[in-house]
N, C-alpha and C. Protein backbone atom coordinates (compact mmCIF):
# COMPACT_ATOMS: atom_id res chain seq x y z
N UNK A 1 125.74 53.01 112.80
CA UNK A 1 125.86 52.93 114.22
C UNK A 1 126.19 54.29 114.82
N UNK A 2 126.84 55.14 114.06
CA UNK A 2 127.16 56.48 114.56
C UNK A 2 125.89 57.27 114.85
N UNK A 3 124.92 57.20 113.95
CA UNK A 3 123.66 57.91 114.17
C UNK A 3 122.97 57.38 115.42
N UNK A 4 122.98 56.06 115.62
CA UNK A 4 122.39 55.46 116.82
C UNK A 4 123.11 55.95 118.08
N UNK A 5 124.44 55.98 118.05
CA UNK A 5 125.21 56.44 119.21
C UNK A 5 124.94 57.91 119.52
N UNK A 6 124.83 58.73 118.49
CA UNK A 6 124.57 60.16 118.70
C UNK A 6 123.16 60.37 119.26
N UNK A 7 122.19 59.66 118.73
CA UNK A 7 120.79 59.85 119.15
C UNK A 7 120.43 59.15 120.45
N UNK A 8 121.26 58.23 120.92
CA UNK A 8 120.98 57.49 122.15
C UNK A 8 122.23 57.47 123.02
N UNK A 9 122.64 58.63 123.47
CA UNK A 9 123.86 58.73 124.29
C UNK A 9 123.70 57.96 125.59
N UNK A 10 124.81 57.29 126.00
CA UNK A 10 124.79 56.45 127.18
C UNK A 10 125.84 56.92 128.18
N UNK A 11 125.63 56.66 129.48
CA UNK A 11 126.66 56.97 130.49
C UNK A 11 127.94 56.18 130.19
N UNK A 12 129.05 56.62 130.75
CA UNK A 12 130.36 56.06 130.46
C UNK A 12 130.52 54.55 130.56
N UNK A 13 129.92 53.90 131.56
CA UNK A 13 130.10 52.47 131.75
C UNK A 13 129.07 51.62 131.02
N UNK A 14 128.14 52.24 130.33
CA UNK A 14 127.07 51.49 129.67
C UNK A 14 127.60 50.75 128.45
N UNK A 15 127.05 49.57 128.19
CA UNK A 15 127.38 48.81 126.99
C UNK A 15 126.82 49.55 125.78
N UNK A 16 127.62 49.71 124.74
CA UNK A 16 127.13 50.42 123.56
C UNK A 16 125.93 49.71 122.93
N UNK A 17 125.03 50.49 122.37
CA UNK A 17 123.91 49.89 121.66
C UNK A 17 124.40 49.41 120.30
N UNK A 18 123.60 48.63 119.64
CA UNK A 18 123.99 48.13 118.33
C UNK A 18 122.77 48.04 117.43
N UNK A 19 123.00 48.12 116.16
CA UNK A 19 121.90 47.97 115.21
C UNK A 19 122.09 46.69 114.40
N UNK A 20 123.00 45.82 114.85
CA UNK A 20 123.29 44.58 114.14
C UNK A 20 122.38 43.46 114.64
N UNK A 21 121.42 43.07 113.84
CA UNK A 21 120.55 41.92 114.11
C UNK A 21 119.79 42.02 115.40
N UNK A 22 118.96 41.06 115.73
CA UNK A 22 118.77 39.88 114.88
C UNK A 22 118.02 40.25 113.61
N UNK A 23 118.35 39.58 112.56
CA UNK A 23 117.71 39.82 111.28
C UNK A 23 116.65 38.76 111.06
N UNK A 24 115.41 39.17 110.90
CA UNK A 24 114.30 38.24 110.73
C UNK A 24 113.97 38.12 109.25
N UNK A 25 113.83 36.90 108.81
CA UNK A 25 113.53 36.63 107.41
C UNK A 25 112.08 36.18 107.31
N UNK A 26 111.25 36.88 106.57
CA UNK A 26 109.86 36.46 106.42
C UNK A 26 109.77 35.03 105.87
N UNK A 27 108.84 34.27 106.40
CA UNK A 27 108.59 32.89 105.96
C UNK A 27 109.77 31.95 106.17
N UNK A 28 110.64 32.25 107.12
CA UNK A 28 111.76 31.35 107.42
C UNK A 28 111.21 30.07 108.03
N UNK A 29 111.87 28.94 107.79
CA UNK A 29 111.38 27.68 108.36
C UNK A 29 111.52 27.67 109.88
N UNK A 30 110.64 26.97 110.55
CA UNK A 30 110.70 26.83 112.00
C UNK A 30 111.89 25.96 112.39
N UNK A 31 112.46 26.23 113.54
CA UNK A 31 113.54 25.39 114.07
C UNK A 31 112.90 24.46 115.09
N UNK A 32 112.86 23.19 114.76
CA UNK A 32 112.13 22.22 115.59
C UNK A 32 112.99 21.51 116.61
N UNK A 33 114.29 21.76 116.64
CA UNK A 33 115.17 21.02 117.55
C UNK A 33 115.41 21.78 118.86
N UNK A 34 114.46 22.53 119.31
CA UNK A 34 114.60 23.26 120.56
C UNK A 34 115.27 24.61 120.41
N UNK A 35 115.45 25.06 119.20
CA UNK A 35 116.02 26.37 118.99
C UNK A 35 117.50 26.38 118.67
N UNK A 36 118.14 25.22 118.60
CA UNK A 36 119.57 25.17 118.30
C UNK A 36 119.80 25.23 116.80
N UNK A 37 120.28 26.36 116.31
CA UNK A 37 120.57 26.49 114.89
C UNK A 37 121.84 25.73 114.52
N UNK A 38 122.66 25.36 115.50
CA UNK A 38 123.91 24.67 115.24
C UNK A 38 123.78 23.16 115.40
N UNK A 39 122.57 22.67 115.62
CA UNK A 39 122.38 21.23 115.81
C UNK A 39 122.95 20.47 114.62
N UNK A 40 123.84 19.56 114.89
CA UNK A 40 124.46 18.76 113.85
C UNK A 40 125.70 19.39 113.24
N UNK A 41 126.05 20.61 113.65
CA UNK A 41 127.25 21.27 113.13
C UNK A 41 128.49 20.66 113.78
N UNK A 42 129.62 20.64 113.07
CA UNK A 42 130.85 20.11 113.66
C UNK A 42 131.36 21.02 114.77
N UNK A 43 132.13 20.45 115.68
CA UNK A 43 132.74 21.23 116.75
C UNK A 43 132.25 20.82 118.12
N UNK A 44 132.76 21.48 119.12
CA UNK A 44 132.43 21.19 120.52
C UNK A 44 131.39 22.21 120.98
N UNK A 45 130.25 21.74 121.52
CA UNK A 45 129.23 22.69 121.99
C UNK A 45 129.78 23.59 123.11
N UNK A 46 129.32 24.79 123.15
CA UNK A 46 129.73 25.76 124.16
C UNK A 46 128.48 26.32 124.83
N UNK A 47 128.45 26.31 126.15
CA UNK A 47 127.33 26.85 126.91
C UNK A 47 127.81 28.11 127.62
N UNK A 48 127.17 29.22 127.38
CA UNK A 48 127.59 30.50 127.93
C UNK A 48 126.52 31.03 128.87
N UNK A 49 126.93 31.51 130.04
CA UNK A 49 126.00 32.14 130.97
C UNK A 49 126.53 33.55 131.28
N UNK A 50 125.68 34.36 131.85
CA UNK A 50 126.10 35.70 132.20
C UNK A 50 125.12 36.36 133.14
N UNK A 51 125.46 37.53 133.60
CA UNK A 51 124.62 38.30 134.49
C UNK A 51 124.52 39.72 133.96
N UNK A 52 123.32 40.27 133.91
CA UNK A 52 123.12 41.64 133.48
C UNK A 52 123.18 42.53 134.71
N UNK A 53 124.05 43.53 134.68
CA UNK A 53 124.19 44.45 135.80
C UNK A 53 123.88 45.87 135.36
N UNK A 54 123.37 46.65 136.29
CA UNK A 54 123.14 48.06 136.04
C UNK A 54 124.46 48.81 136.11
N UNK A 55 124.45 50.10 135.80
CA UNK A 55 125.68 50.89 135.79
C UNK A 55 126.35 50.95 137.15
N UNK A 56 125.56 50.79 138.24
CA UNK A 56 126.12 50.80 139.58
C UNK A 56 126.50 49.43 140.09
N UNK A 57 126.40 48.41 139.24
CA UNK A 57 126.74 47.04 139.63
C UNK A 57 125.58 46.26 140.20
N UNK A 58 124.39 46.86 140.27
CA UNK A 58 123.22 46.16 140.81
C UNK A 58 122.67 45.17 139.78
N UNK A 59 122.01 44.14 140.27
CA UNK A 59 121.43 43.13 139.38
C UNK A 59 120.40 43.76 138.47
N UNK A 60 120.33 43.25 137.23
CA UNK A 60 119.37 43.77 136.27
C UNK A 60 117.94 43.51 136.69
N UNK A 61 117.01 44.27 136.13
CA UNK A 61 115.59 44.14 136.48
C UNK A 61 114.79 43.93 135.20
N UNK A 62 115.06 42.85 134.49
CA UNK A 62 114.30 42.58 133.28
C UNK A 62 114.65 43.56 132.18
N UNK A 63 113.63 44.09 131.51
CA UNK A 63 113.83 44.95 130.37
C UNK A 63 114.31 46.36 130.68
N UNK A 64 114.32 46.76 131.96
CA UNK A 64 114.72 48.14 132.25
C UNK A 64 116.06 48.22 132.96
N UNK A 65 116.89 47.19 132.84
CA UNK A 65 118.20 47.19 133.52
C UNK A 65 119.17 48.14 132.84
């Protein structure tokens, strides 16, 4: 991650980049339950929402926010 941080410097308020995942496995089975990998797992479901903001607090614009 240090090499990534050095080669892709960001302004002070920017969220740090990461090189952690997603990790794709060739020939992995399809998830047929709508994409929930935790379907059937014990516990209480959690739904998370959020907003992507630019460095100045403006709303994100897709892939170039």
